[in-house]
N, C-alpha and C. Protein backbone atom coordinates (compact mmCIF):
# COMPACT_ATOMS: atom_id res chain seq x y z
N MET A 1 9.70 -19.96 16.09
CA MET A 1 9.03 -18.57 15.66
C MET A 1 9.42 -17.57 15.30
N SER A 2 8.17 -17.17 14.34
CA SER A 2 8.26 -15.74 13.18
C SER A 2 8.89 -14.47 13.83
N ASN A 3 9.47 -13.87 13.16
CA ASN A 3 9.43 -12.66 13.43
C ASN A 3 8.64 -11.92 13.12
N VAL A 4 8.04 -10.32 13.96
CA VAL A 4 7.07 -9.80 13.89
C VAL A 4 7.67 -8.85 12.52
N TYR A 5 7.06 -8.32 11.80
CA TYR A 5 7.40 -7.24 10.11
C TYR A 5 6.86 -6.13 10.32
N ASN A 6 6.50 -5.06 10.55
CA ASN A 6 6.37 -3.75 10.52
C ASN A 6 6.16 -3.46 8.92
N VAL A 7 4.64 -3.66 8.59
CA VAL A 7 4.50 -3.33 7.05
C VAL A 7 3.49 -1.56 6.91
N ALA A 8 4.35 -0.96 6.56
CA ALA A 8 3.63 0.27 5.66
C ALA A 8 2.75 0.29 5.07
N VAL A 9 1.93 0.46 4.91
CA VAL A 9 0.57 0.23 4.18
C VAL A 9 -0.04 1.72 3.47
N VAL A 10 0.51 2.13 2.40
CA VAL A 10 0.15 3.05 1.76
C VAL A 10 -1.14 3.55 0.92
N VAL A 11 -2.19 3.80 1.48
CA VAL A 11 -3.67 4.02 1.14
C VAL A 11 -3.44 4.91 -0.56
N GLY A 12 -4.35 4.69 -1.34
CA GLY A 12 -4.31 5.75 -2.46
C GLY A 12 -5.29 6.61 -2.45
N SER A 13 -6.27 6.50 -1.76
CA SER A 13 -7.54 7.30 -1.52
C SER A 13 -7.30 8.06 -0.56
N LEU A 14 -7.38 9.45 -0.59
CA LEU A 14 -7.26 10.11 0.80
C LEU A 14 -8.26 10.58 1.91
N ARG A 15 -9.81 9.85 0.88
CA ARG A 15 -11.22 10.31 1.57
C ARG A 15 -11.05 9.39 3.32
N LYS A 16 -11.39 9.97 4.05
CA LYS A 16 -11.46 8.86 5.73
C LYS A 16 -12.19 8.36 5.85
N ALA A 17 -13.37 8.13 4.98
CA ALA A 17 -14.21 6.91 4.89
C ALA A 17 -14.23 6.01 3.05
N SER A 18 -13.06 6.17 3.07
CA SER A 18 -13.16 5.45 1.81
C SER A 18 -13.01 3.76 1.71
N ILE A 19 -13.25 3.20 1.14
CA ILE A 19 -13.12 1.73 0.69
C ILE A 19 -11.86 0.96 0.95
N ASN A 20 -11.26 1.82 0.58
CA ASN A 20 -9.69 1.81 0.34
C ASN A 20 -9.42 1.40 1.85
N ARG A 21 -9.62 2.73 2.71
CA ARG A 21 -9.17 2.66 3.78
C ARG A 21 -9.81 1.85 4.95
N LYS A 22 -10.88 1.25 4.33
CA LYS A 22 -11.53 0.35 4.84
C LYS A 22 -11.28 -1.04 4.82
N VAL A 23 -10.45 -1.47 3.26
CA VAL A 23 -10.49 -2.96 3.12
C VAL A 23 -8.79 -2.66 3.97
N ALA A 24 -7.78 -1.61 4.24
CA ALA A 24 -6.37 -1.35 4.78
C ALA A 24 -6.54 -2.13 5.80
N LEU A 25 -7.67 -1.84 6.80
CA LEU A 25 -7.79 -1.66 8.11
C LEU A 25 -8.24 -3.11 8.53
N ALA A 26 -9.46 -3.81 7.46
CA ALA A 26 -9.92 -5.09 7.42
C ALA A 26 -8.72 -5.91 7.31
N LEU A 27 -7.24 -5.30 6.01
CA LEU A 27 -6.26 -6.77 6.02
C LEU A 27 -5.63 -6.17 7.10
N ALA A 28 -5.51 -5.46 8.12
CA ALA A 28 -4.58 -5.36 9.32
C ALA A 28 -5.14 -5.87 10.86
N GLU A 29 -6.86 -6.24 10.62
CA GLU A 29 -7.17 -7.00 11.77
C GLU A 29 -7.36 -8.64 11.23
N LEU A 30 -7.44 -8.73 9.76
CA LEU A 30 -6.61 -10.16 9.42
C LEU A 30 -5.45 -10.60 9.05
N ALA A 31 -4.50 -9.38 9.68
CA ALA A 31 -2.82 -10.48 9.57
C ALA A 31 -2.54 -11.16 9.85
N PRO A 32 -1.76 -12.33 10.05
CA PRO A 32 -0.99 -12.91 10.57
C PRO A 32 -0.13 -12.30 11.72
N ALA A 33 0.06 -13.43 12.25
CA ALA A 33 1.03 -13.03 13.25
C ALA A 33 1.94 -12.13 13.32
N ASN A 34 2.79 -12.83 12.29
CA ASN A 34 3.94 -12.26 11.90
C ASN A 34 4.66 -10.84 11.37
N LEU A 35 2.78 -10.39 10.79
CA LEU A 35 2.66 -8.91 10.31
C LEU A 35 1.72 -7.90 11.09
N LYS A 36 2.56 -6.85 11.20
CA LYS A 36 1.92 -5.84 11.78
C LYS A 36 1.73 -4.51 10.99
N LEU A 37 0.43 -4.07 11.09
CA LEU A 37 0.10 -3.17 9.76
C LEU A 37 0.03 -1.79 9.96
N GLU A 38 0.67 -0.49 9.47
CA GLU A 38 -0.01 0.13 10.02
C GLU A 38 -0.14 1.16 8.61
N ILE A 39 -1.15 1.82 8.99
CA ILE A 39 -1.29 2.86 7.67
C ILE A 39 -0.17 4.48 7.89
N VAL A 40 0.51 4.59 6.65
CA VAL A 40 1.25 5.65 6.74
C VAL A 40 0.44 6.82 5.89
N GLU A 41 0.14 7.83 6.49
CA GLU A 41 -0.94 8.99 5.66
C GLU A 41 0.25 9.63 4.77
N ILE A 42 -0.78 9.95 3.61
CA ILE A 42 -0.03 10.60 2.30
C ILE A 42 -0.52 11.93 2.08
N GLY A 43 -1.98 12.30 2.98
CA GLY A 43 -2.42 13.67 2.66
C GLY A 43 -1.80 15.16 2.54
N ASP A 44 -1.00 14.44 3.76
CA ASP A 44 -0.19 15.72 4.34
C ASP A 44 0.75 16.58 3.28
N LEU A 45 2.05 15.08 2.41
CA LEU A 45 2.58 15.80 1.72
C LEU A 45 2.96 16.73 0.37
N PRO A 46 3.15 17.74 0.93
CA PRO A 46 3.29 18.39 -0.51
C PRO A 46 3.57 17.99 -1.65
N LEU A 47 3.07 18.46 -2.73
CA LEU A 47 3.83 17.74 -4.29
C LEU A 47 5.24 17.59 -4.24
N TYR A 48 5.69 16.76 -4.71
CA TYR A 48 7.37 16.40 -5.33
C TYR A 48 7.94 17.22 -5.76
N ASN A 49 8.77 18.17 -5.18
CA ASN A 49 9.35 19.56 -5.93
C ASN A 49 11.31 19.30 -5.28
N GLU A 50 11.99 19.30 -6.30
CA GLU A 50 13.01 18.81 -5.64
C GLU A 50 13.63 20.38 -5.58
N ASP A 51 13.20 21.41 -5.72
CA ASP A 51 13.41 22.53 -5.22
C ASP A 51 13.09 22.96 -3.57
N ILE A 52 12.43 22.06 -3.13
CA ILE A 52 12.22 21.95 -1.48
C ILE A 52 12.35 21.07 -0.75
N ASP A 53 13.28 20.29 -1.70
CA ASP A 53 14.13 18.97 -0.93
C ASP A 53 15.18 19.02 -1.08
N GLY A 54 15.75 20.14 -0.10
CA GLY A 54 17.33 20.29 0.00
C GLY A 54 17.65 19.47 1.07
N ASP A 55 18.32 20.49 2.14
CA ASP A 55 19.08 20.21 3.75
C ASP A 55 18.07 20.48 4.42
N SER A 56 16.86 21.04 3.79
CA SER A 56 15.76 21.30 5.35
C SER A 56 14.57 20.91 4.42
N PRO A 57 13.92 19.55 3.97
CA PRO A 57 12.88 19.24 3.09
C PRO A 57 11.62 19.34 4.32
N PRO A 58 10.30 19.68 3.16
CA PRO A 58 9.47 19.45 4.56
C PRO A 58 9.28 18.84 5.60
N ALA A 59 8.68 19.08 6.85
CA ALA A 59 8.53 17.94 7.67
C ALA A 59 7.67 16.55 7.29
N ALA A 60 7.04 17.03 6.50
CA ALA A 60 5.79 15.50 5.99
C ALA A 60 6.68 15.06 5.14
N TYR A 61 7.68 15.41 4.36
CA TYR A 61 9.05 14.11 3.55
C TYR A 61 9.21 13.40 4.36
N SER A 62 9.91 14.26 5.69
CA SER A 62 10.68 13.39 6.38
C SER A 62 10.00 12.87 7.37
N THR A 63 8.88 13.13 7.75
CA THR A 63 7.94 11.93 8.49
C THR A 63 7.54 11.13 7.72
N PHE A 64 7.65 11.25 6.47
CA PHE A 64 6.97 10.09 5.40
C PHE A 64 8.18 9.27 5.31
N ARG A 65 9.16 9.34 4.99
CA ARG A 65 10.45 8.86 4.37
C ARG A 65 11.06 7.84 5.95
N GLU A 66 10.60 8.74 7.31
CA GLU A 66 11.29 7.87 8.07
C GLU A 66 10.15 6.50 8.29
N LYS A 67 8.78 6.74 8.27
CA LYS A 67 8.04 5.91 8.74
C LYS A 67 7.74 4.65 7.75
N VAL A 68 8.15 4.71 6.53
CA VAL A 68 8.44 3.60 5.36
C VAL A 68 9.80 3.03 5.35
N GLY A 69 10.72 4.13 5.78
CA GLY A 69 12.18 3.63 5.80
C GLY A 69 12.28 2.86 7.12
N SER A 70 11.59 3.06 8.14
CA SER A 70 11.70 2.22 9.20
C SER A 70 11.45 1.01 9.49
N SER A 71 10.16 0.63 8.42
CA SER A 71 9.23 -0.46 8.13
C SER A 71 10.07 -1.29 7.11
N ASP A 72 9.10 -2.60 7.60
CA ASP A 72 10.29 -4.10 7.17
C ASP A 72 9.58 -4.39 5.62
N ALA A 73 8.77 -4.12 5.22
CA ALA A 73 7.97 -4.35 4.11
C ALA A 73 6.50 -2.99 4.01
N VAL A 74 6.37 -3.05 2.34
CA VAL A 74 5.03 -2.28 2.09
C VAL A 74 4.32 -3.29 1.50
N LEU A 75 3.13 -2.69 1.68
CA LEU A 75 1.37 -3.28 1.04
C LEU A 75 0.98 -1.50 0.87
N PHE A 76 0.42 -1.32 -0.69
CA PHE A 76 -0.04 -0.54 -1.36
C PHE A 76 -1.84 -0.77 -1.32
N VAL A 77 -2.76 -0.69 -1.35
CA VAL A 77 -4.22 -0.10 -1.09
C VAL A 77 -4.78 0.91 -2.01
N THR A 78 -5.18 0.87 -3.20
CA THR A 78 -5.32 1.83 -4.13
C THR A 78 -6.60 1.68 -4.60
N PRO A 79 -7.36 2.99 -5.09
CA PRO A 79 -8.38 2.72 -6.36
C PRO A 79 -7.48 3.09 -7.70
N GLU A 80 -8.23 2.93 -8.76
CA GLU A 80 -7.99 2.82 -9.84
C GLU A 80 -8.46 4.77 -10.39
N TYR A 81 -7.79 5.66 -10.88
CA TYR A 81 -8.00 6.76 -11.55
C TYR A 81 -7.25 6.83 -12.67
N ASN A 82 -8.19 6.82 -13.68
CA ASN A 82 -7.76 7.14 -15.20
C ASN A 82 -7.02 6.19 -15.25
N ARG A 83 -7.05 4.66 -15.45
CA ARG A 83 -6.44 3.70 -15.77
C ARG A 83 -5.06 3.71 -14.87
N SER A 84 -4.86 3.94 -13.98
CA SER A 84 -3.76 4.87 -13.04
C SER A 84 -4.24 4.86 -11.80
N VAL A 85 -2.50 5.33 -11.33
CA VAL A 85 -2.98 5.29 -9.24
C VAL A 85 -3.08 6.64 -9.62
N PRO A 86 -4.12 7.35 -8.17
CA PRO A 86 -4.39 8.78 -8.33
C PRO A 86 -2.94 9.22 -7.52
N ALA A 87 -3.04 10.49 -8.18
CA ALA A 87 -1.58 11.32 -7.70
C ALA A 87 -1.09 11.36 -6.72
N PRO A 88 -2.24 11.46 -5.60
CA PRO A 88 -1.54 11.22 -4.24
C PRO A 88 -0.13 10.19 -3.75
N LEU A 89 -0.67 8.90 -4.83
CA LEU A 89 -0.02 7.91 -4.71
C LEU A 89 1.18 7.81 -5.32
N LYS A 90 1.00 8.31 -6.63
CA LYS A 90 2.06 8.70 -6.90
C LYS A 90 3.03 9.67 -6.79
N ASN A 91 3.16 11.12 -5.87
CA ASN A 91 3.39 11.93 -5.23
C ASN A 91 4.30 11.13 -3.94
N ALA A 92 3.30 10.38 -3.23
CA ALA A 92 4.02 9.63 -2.11
C ALA A 92 4.96 8.90 -2.63
N ILE A 93 5.05 8.15 -3.85
CA ILE A 93 6.00 7.06 -4.35
C ILE A 93 7.06 8.13 -4.67
N ASP A 94 6.80 9.11 -5.23
CA ASP A 94 8.01 10.07 -6.03
C ASP A 94 8.73 10.46 -4.50
N VAL A 95 8.29 11.12 -3.58
CA VAL A 95 8.74 11.75 -2.00
C VAL A 95 9.54 10.46 -1.47
N GLY A 96 9.25 9.59 -2.11
CA GLY A 96 9.54 7.96 -1.04
C GLY A 96 11.23 7.48 -1.72
N SER A 97 11.25 8.37 -2.40
CA SER A 97 12.07 7.68 -4.10
C SER A 97 13.26 8.86 -3.87
N ARG A 98 13.04 9.54 -3.49
CA ARG A 98 14.42 10.72 -3.64
C ARG A 98 14.56 11.01 -2.01
N PRO A 99 15.93 11.30 -1.82
CA PRO A 99 16.83 11.89 -2.86
C PRO A 99 17.41 11.23 -3.72
N TYR A 100 17.98 10.65 -5.00
CA TYR A 100 18.15 9.69 -5.65
C TYR A 100 19.31 9.17 -4.98
N GLY A 101 19.23 7.83 -5.12
CA GLY A 101 19.82 7.04 -4.00
C GLY A 101 20.01 6.65 -2.89
N LYS A 102 18.56 7.03 -2.46
CA LYS A 102 18.48 6.87 -0.67
C LYS A 102 16.83 6.79 -0.86
N ALA A 103 16.68 6.06 -1.72
CA ALA A 103 14.74 6.19 -1.47
C ALA A 103 14.65 4.86 -0.19
N VAL A 104 13.31 5.44 0.17
CA VAL A 104 12.98 4.12 1.32
C VAL A 104 12.43 2.54 0.54
N TRP A 105 12.39 2.67 0.16
CA TRP A 105 11.60 1.80 -0.82
C TRP A 105 12.12 0.20 -1.17
N SER A 106 13.46 0.58 -1.61
CA SER A 106 14.25 -0.30 -2.20
C SER A 106 14.63 -1.52 -0.74
N GLY A 107 14.48 -2.71 -1.67
CA GLY A 107 14.18 -4.01 -0.94
C GLY A 107 13.53 -4.33 -0.17
N LYS A 108 12.21 -3.53 -0.12
CA LYS A 108 11.24 -3.75 0.91
C LYS A 108 10.25 -5.18 0.08
N PRO A 109 9.69 -6.42 0.83
CA PRO A 109 8.98 -6.89 0.12
C PRO A 109 7.76 -6.24 -0.38
N GLY A 110 6.95 -5.81 -1.05
CA GLY A 110 5.24 -5.33 -1.36
C GLY A 110 4.77 -6.22 -2.17
N ALA A 111 3.40 -5.28 -2.50
CA ALA A 111 2.15 -6.39 -2.45
C ALA A 111 1.41 -5.56 -3.07
N VAL A 112 0.51 -5.61 -3.41
CA VAL A 112 -0.58 -4.36 -4.02
C VAL A 112 -2.27 -5.04 -4.05
N ILE A 113 -3.16 -4.19 -3.39
CA ILE A 113 -4.45 -4.89 -3.62
C ILE A 113 -5.43 -3.24 -3.97
N SER A 114 -5.49 -3.54 -5.50
CA SER A 114 -6.55 -2.53 -5.70
C SER A 114 -8.43 -2.65 -5.72
N VAL A 115 -8.15 -1.79 -4.96
CA VAL A 115 -10.01 -1.89 -4.96
C VAL A 115 -10.91 -0.75 -5.58
N SER A 116 -11.92 -1.18 -6.76
CA SER A 116 -12.34 0.14 -6.46
C SER A 116 -14.02 -0.92 -6.50
N PRO A 117 -14.96 -0.04 -7.10
CA PRO A 117 -16.32 -0.36 -7.00
C PRO A 117 -17.16 -0.92 -8.88
N GLY A 118 -16.10 -0.33 -9.58
CA GLY A 118 -16.43 -0.94 -10.52
C GLY A 118 -15.78 -2.27 -10.97
N ALA A 119 -16.05 -3.04 -12.35
CA ALA A 119 -16.46 -4.33 -12.09
C ALA A 119 -14.63 -5.09 -12.50
N ILE A 120 -13.82 -4.12 -12.76
CA ILE A 120 -12.65 -4.59 -13.18
C ILE A 120 -11.36 -4.28 -12.31
N GLY A 121 -11.88 -4.03 -11.09
CA GLY A 121 -11.31 -3.67 -9.79
C GLY A 121 -9.83 -3.05 -9.51
N GLY A 122 -9.90 -1.94 -10.45
CA GLY A 122 -8.46 -1.25 -10.40
C GLY A 122 -7.98 -1.77 -11.31
N PHE A 123 -8.00 -2.67 -12.08
CA PHE A 123 -6.42 -3.43 -13.06
C PHE A 123 -5.81 -2.45 -13.36
N GLY A 124 -5.92 -1.54 -13.88
CA GLY A 124 -4.80 -0.66 -14.52
C GLY A 124 -4.12 -0.21 -13.27
N ALA A 125 -4.51 0.52 -12.44
CA ALA A 125 -3.88 1.02 -11.43
C ALA A 125 -2.96 -0.23 -10.67
N ASN A 126 -3.11 -1.50 -10.36
CA ASN A 126 -2.75 -2.61 -9.98
C ASN A 126 -1.59 -2.90 -10.58
N GLN A 127 -1.80 -2.83 -12.37
CA GLN A 127 -0.87 -3.06 -13.16
C GLN A 127 0.45 -1.76 -13.51
N HIS A 128 -0.11 -1.00 -12.98
CA HIS A 128 0.40 0.60 -13.29
C HIS A 128 1.62 0.44 -12.76
N LEU A 129 1.17 0.24 -10.55
CA LEU A 129 1.76 0.32 -9.75
C LEU A 129 3.17 -0.69 -10.05
N ARG A 130 2.84 -1.68 -10.32
CA ARG A 130 3.50 -2.74 -10.29
C ARG A 130 5.26 -2.50 -11.54
N GLN A 131 5.02 -1.69 -12.21
CA GLN A 131 5.43 -1.14 -13.19
C GLN A 131 6.47 -0.42 -12.06
N SER A 132 5.97 0.74 -11.21
CA SER A 132 7.03 1.48 -10.69
C SER A 132 7.90 0.63 -9.92
N PHE A 133 7.24 -0.60 -9.34
CA PHE A 133 8.37 -1.45 -8.20
C PHE A 133 9.25 -1.71 -8.34
N VAL A 134 9.41 -2.49 -9.84
CA VAL A 134 10.48 -2.77 -10.77
C VAL A 134 11.71 -1.46 -11.05
N PHE A 135 11.52 0.06 -10.87
CA PHE A 135 12.73 0.68 -10.48
C PHE A 135 12.98 1.35 -9.40
N LEU A 136 11.53 0.76 -7.82
CA LEU A 136 11.95 1.18 -6.72
C LEU A 136 13.00 -0.02 -5.82
N ASN A 137 12.89 -1.23 -6.69
CA ASN A 137 13.44 -2.10 -6.26
C ASN A 137 12.77 -2.56 -5.28
N VAL A 138 11.58 -2.67 -5.30
CA VAL A 138 10.34 -3.41 -4.20
C VAL A 138 9.93 -5.14 -4.95
N PRO A 139 10.55 -6.02 -4.30
CA PRO A 139 10.08 -7.22 -4.86
C PRO A 139 8.43 -7.24 -4.46
N CYS A 140 8.45 -7.82 -5.38
CA CYS A 140 6.47 -7.53 -5.37
C CYS A 140 5.78 -9.20 -5.47
N MET A 141 5.47 -9.42 -4.75
CA MET A 141 4.18 -10.20 -4.66
C MET A 141 3.49 -10.83 -5.86
N GLN A 142 3.51 -11.78 -6.53
CA GLN A 142 3.04 -11.86 -8.07
C GLN A 142 1.82 -12.68 -7.81
N GLN A 143 2.03 -13.35 -6.85
CA GLN A 143 0.55 -14.51 -6.68
C GLN A 143 0.10 -14.63 -5.36
N PRO A 144 -1.33 -14.26 -4.46
CA PRO A 144 -2.22 -14.19 -5.75
C PRO A 144 -2.18 -12.73 -5.93
N GLU A 145 -2.58 -12.30 -7.37
CA GLU A 145 -2.52 -11.18 -7.86
C GLU A 145 -3.85 -10.35 -6.61
N ALA A 146 -4.33 -9.61 -6.99
CA ALA A 146 -5.20 -9.07 -5.76
C ALA A 146 -6.09 -7.46 -6.65
N TYR A 147 -7.69 -7.91 -6.96
CA TYR A 147 -8.01 -7.34 -7.38
C TYR A 147 -9.53 -7.28 -6.80
N LEU A 148 -10.07 -6.10 -5.94
CA LEU A 148 -11.43 -6.31 -5.55
C LEU A 148 -12.27 -5.17 -6.08
N GLY A 149 -12.99 -6.23 -7.23
CA GLY A 149 -14.33 -5.42 -7.93
C GLY A 149 -15.49 -4.99 -7.15
N GLY A 150 -16.33 -4.46 -7.29
CA GLY A 150 -17.51 -3.95 -7.25
C GLY A 150 -17.35 -4.01 -5.17
N ALA A 151 -16.96 -3.40 -4.94
CA ALA A 151 -16.22 -2.90 -3.51
C ALA A 151 -17.03 -2.33 -2.85
N GLY A 152 -18.11 -1.69 -3.16
CA GLY A 152 -18.97 -1.13 -2.85
C GLY A 152 -19.92 -1.88 -1.81
N SER A 153 -20.03 -3.24 -1.93
CA SER A 153 -20.71 -4.04 -1.40
C SER A 153 -19.75 -4.66 -0.54
N ALA A 154 -18.37 -4.65 -0.36
CA ALA A 154 -18.02 -5.13 0.87
C ALA A 154 -18.04 -5.28 2.15
N PHE A 155 -18.35 -3.84 2.34
CA PHE A 155 -18.90 -3.57 3.90
C PHE A 155 -20.08 -3.49 4.11
N ASP A 156 -21.03 -3.82 5.39
CA ASP A 156 -22.33 -3.34 5.25
C ASP A 156 -22.78 -1.90 5.91
N GLU A 157 -23.67 -1.57 6.15
CA GLU A 157 -23.88 -0.12 6.58
C GLU A 157 -23.49 0.16 8.07
N ALA A 158 -22.87 -0.70 8.80
CA ALA A 158 -21.98 -0.21 9.62
C ALA A 158 -20.67 -0.31 9.88
N GLY A 159 -20.06 -0.64 8.62
CA GLY A 159 -18.60 -0.96 8.36
C GLY A 159 -18.42 -2.20 8.57
N LYS A 160 -18.82 -3.33 8.76
CA LYS A 160 -18.59 -4.59 9.15
C LYS A 160 -18.39 -5.41 7.36
N LEU A 161 -17.15 -5.99 7.42
CA LEU A 161 -16.82 -6.80 6.65
C LEU A 161 -18.02 -7.78 6.05
N SER A 162 -17.64 -8.01 4.78
CA SER A 162 -18.85 -8.41 4.43
C SER A 162 -18.27 -10.16 4.62
N GLU A 163 -19.18 -11.51 4.91
CA GLU A 163 -18.69 -12.23 4.78
C GLU A 163 -18.01 -13.09 3.72
N THR A 164 -18.34 -12.36 2.79
CA THR A 164 -18.18 -13.14 1.33
C THR A 164 -16.98 -12.71 0.66
N VAL A 165 -16.57 -11.22 1.39
CA VAL A 165 -15.45 -10.82 0.82
C VAL A 165 -14.03 -11.51 1.75
N LYS A 166 -14.32 -11.36 3.03
CA LYS A 166 -13.33 -11.81 4.15
C LYS A 166 -12.19 -13.05 3.67
N PRO A 167 -12.94 -14.19 2.74
CA PRO A 167 -11.77 -15.35 2.47
C PRO A 167 -10.75 -14.81 1.68
N PHE A 168 -11.22 -13.79 0.63
CA PHE A 168 -10.44 -13.35 -0.54
C PHE A 168 -9.49 -12.66 0.41
N LEU A 169 -9.41 -11.77 1.13
CA LEU A 169 -8.30 -11.09 1.54
C LEU A 169 -8.15 -11.62 2.88
N GLN A 170 -8.72 -12.76 3.51
CA GLN A 170 -7.62 -13.79 4.25
C GLN A 170 -6.56 -14.13 3.33
N SER A 171 -7.29 -15.34 2.67
CA SER A 171 -5.87 -15.73 1.58
C SER A 171 -4.69 -14.65 1.37
N PHE A 172 -5.20 -13.55 1.19
CA PHE A 172 -4.28 -12.02 0.36
C PHE A 172 -3.46 -12.26 0.90
N ILE A 173 -3.53 -11.88 2.65
CA ILE A 173 -2.75 -10.96 3.77
C ILE A 173 -2.24 -12.44 4.52
N ASN A 174 -2.48 -13.46 4.03
CA ASN A 174 -1.81 -14.65 4.87
C ASN A 174 -0.89 -15.48 3.60
N ALA A 175 -0.80 -15.04 2.39
CA ALA A 175 0.13 -15.30 1.35
C ALA A 175 1.08 -13.94 1.39
N TYR A 176 0.81 -12.98 1.44
CA TYR A 176 1.47 -12.04 1.93
C TYR A 176 2.67 -11.62 3.29
N GLY A 177 2.11 -12.57 4.29
CA GLY A 177 2.58 -12.93 5.24
C GLY A 177 3.79 -13.67 5.14
N GLN A 178 3.62 -14.97 4.01
CA GLN A 178 4.46 -16.13 4.11
C GLN A 178 5.62 -15.32 2.73
N PHE A 179 5.12 -14.73 1.79
CA PHE A 179 5.91 -13.50 1.27
C PHE A 179 6.90 -12.80 1.71
N VAL A 180 6.48 -11.92 2.84
CA VAL A 180 7.37 -11.32 3.38
C VAL A 180 8.29 -11.49 4.35
N GLU A 181 7.74 -12.95 4.75
CA GLU A 181 8.96 -14.15 5.92
C GLU A 181 9.57 -14.70 4.85
N GLN A 182 9.58 -14.95 3.36
CA GLN A 182 10.59 -15.44 2.69
C GLN A 182 11.19 -14.81 2.17
N HIS A 183 11.61 -12.94 1.81
CA HIS A 183 12.17 -12.18 1.57
C HIS A 183 13.21 -11.67 2.55
N LYS A 184 12.31 -11.63 3.57
CA LYS A 184 13.03 -10.78 5.15
C LYS A 184 14.02 -12.13 6.19
N LYS A 185 14.56 -12.90 5.26
CA LYS A 185 15.22 -14.23 5.70
C LYS A 185 16.79 -14.04 5.09
């Protein structure tokens, strides 16, 4: 019997009806039995500032750090802004990486799926985020890489996942379930 691993899902888009959030929720529904996915919100995090991150950091910092810190793994679902990750996602990474030496990311098996209505599926954001994983000590699932281009048609008007996209997401989340299992043993 496999263990059940809690996965902190960080969505790079703040819009409640964003395609990225819809993909994150779809992945949670498709997740294999060994994964329990939960979105950890980043929209209320103040911009990282060491001056306010002392003995009494903002409550939003502490809540975020606790949720990610208590997870077994991390999954990033992000759009691409200007060939990189959106500012709120970069801020969340920074908040979780401080104070120095106490990063909540370290050692957690990670993966990234970039989601974009554009043709290249957020390739720049995906690769840029993977660079940060190296410093954060996040073992990153290398294959399958996941870029969902043309994502505007991934869901119908009622919000139902397209049957043409579902196998792609299922394959990704199944591989991630295996990756987490291997790295948590």
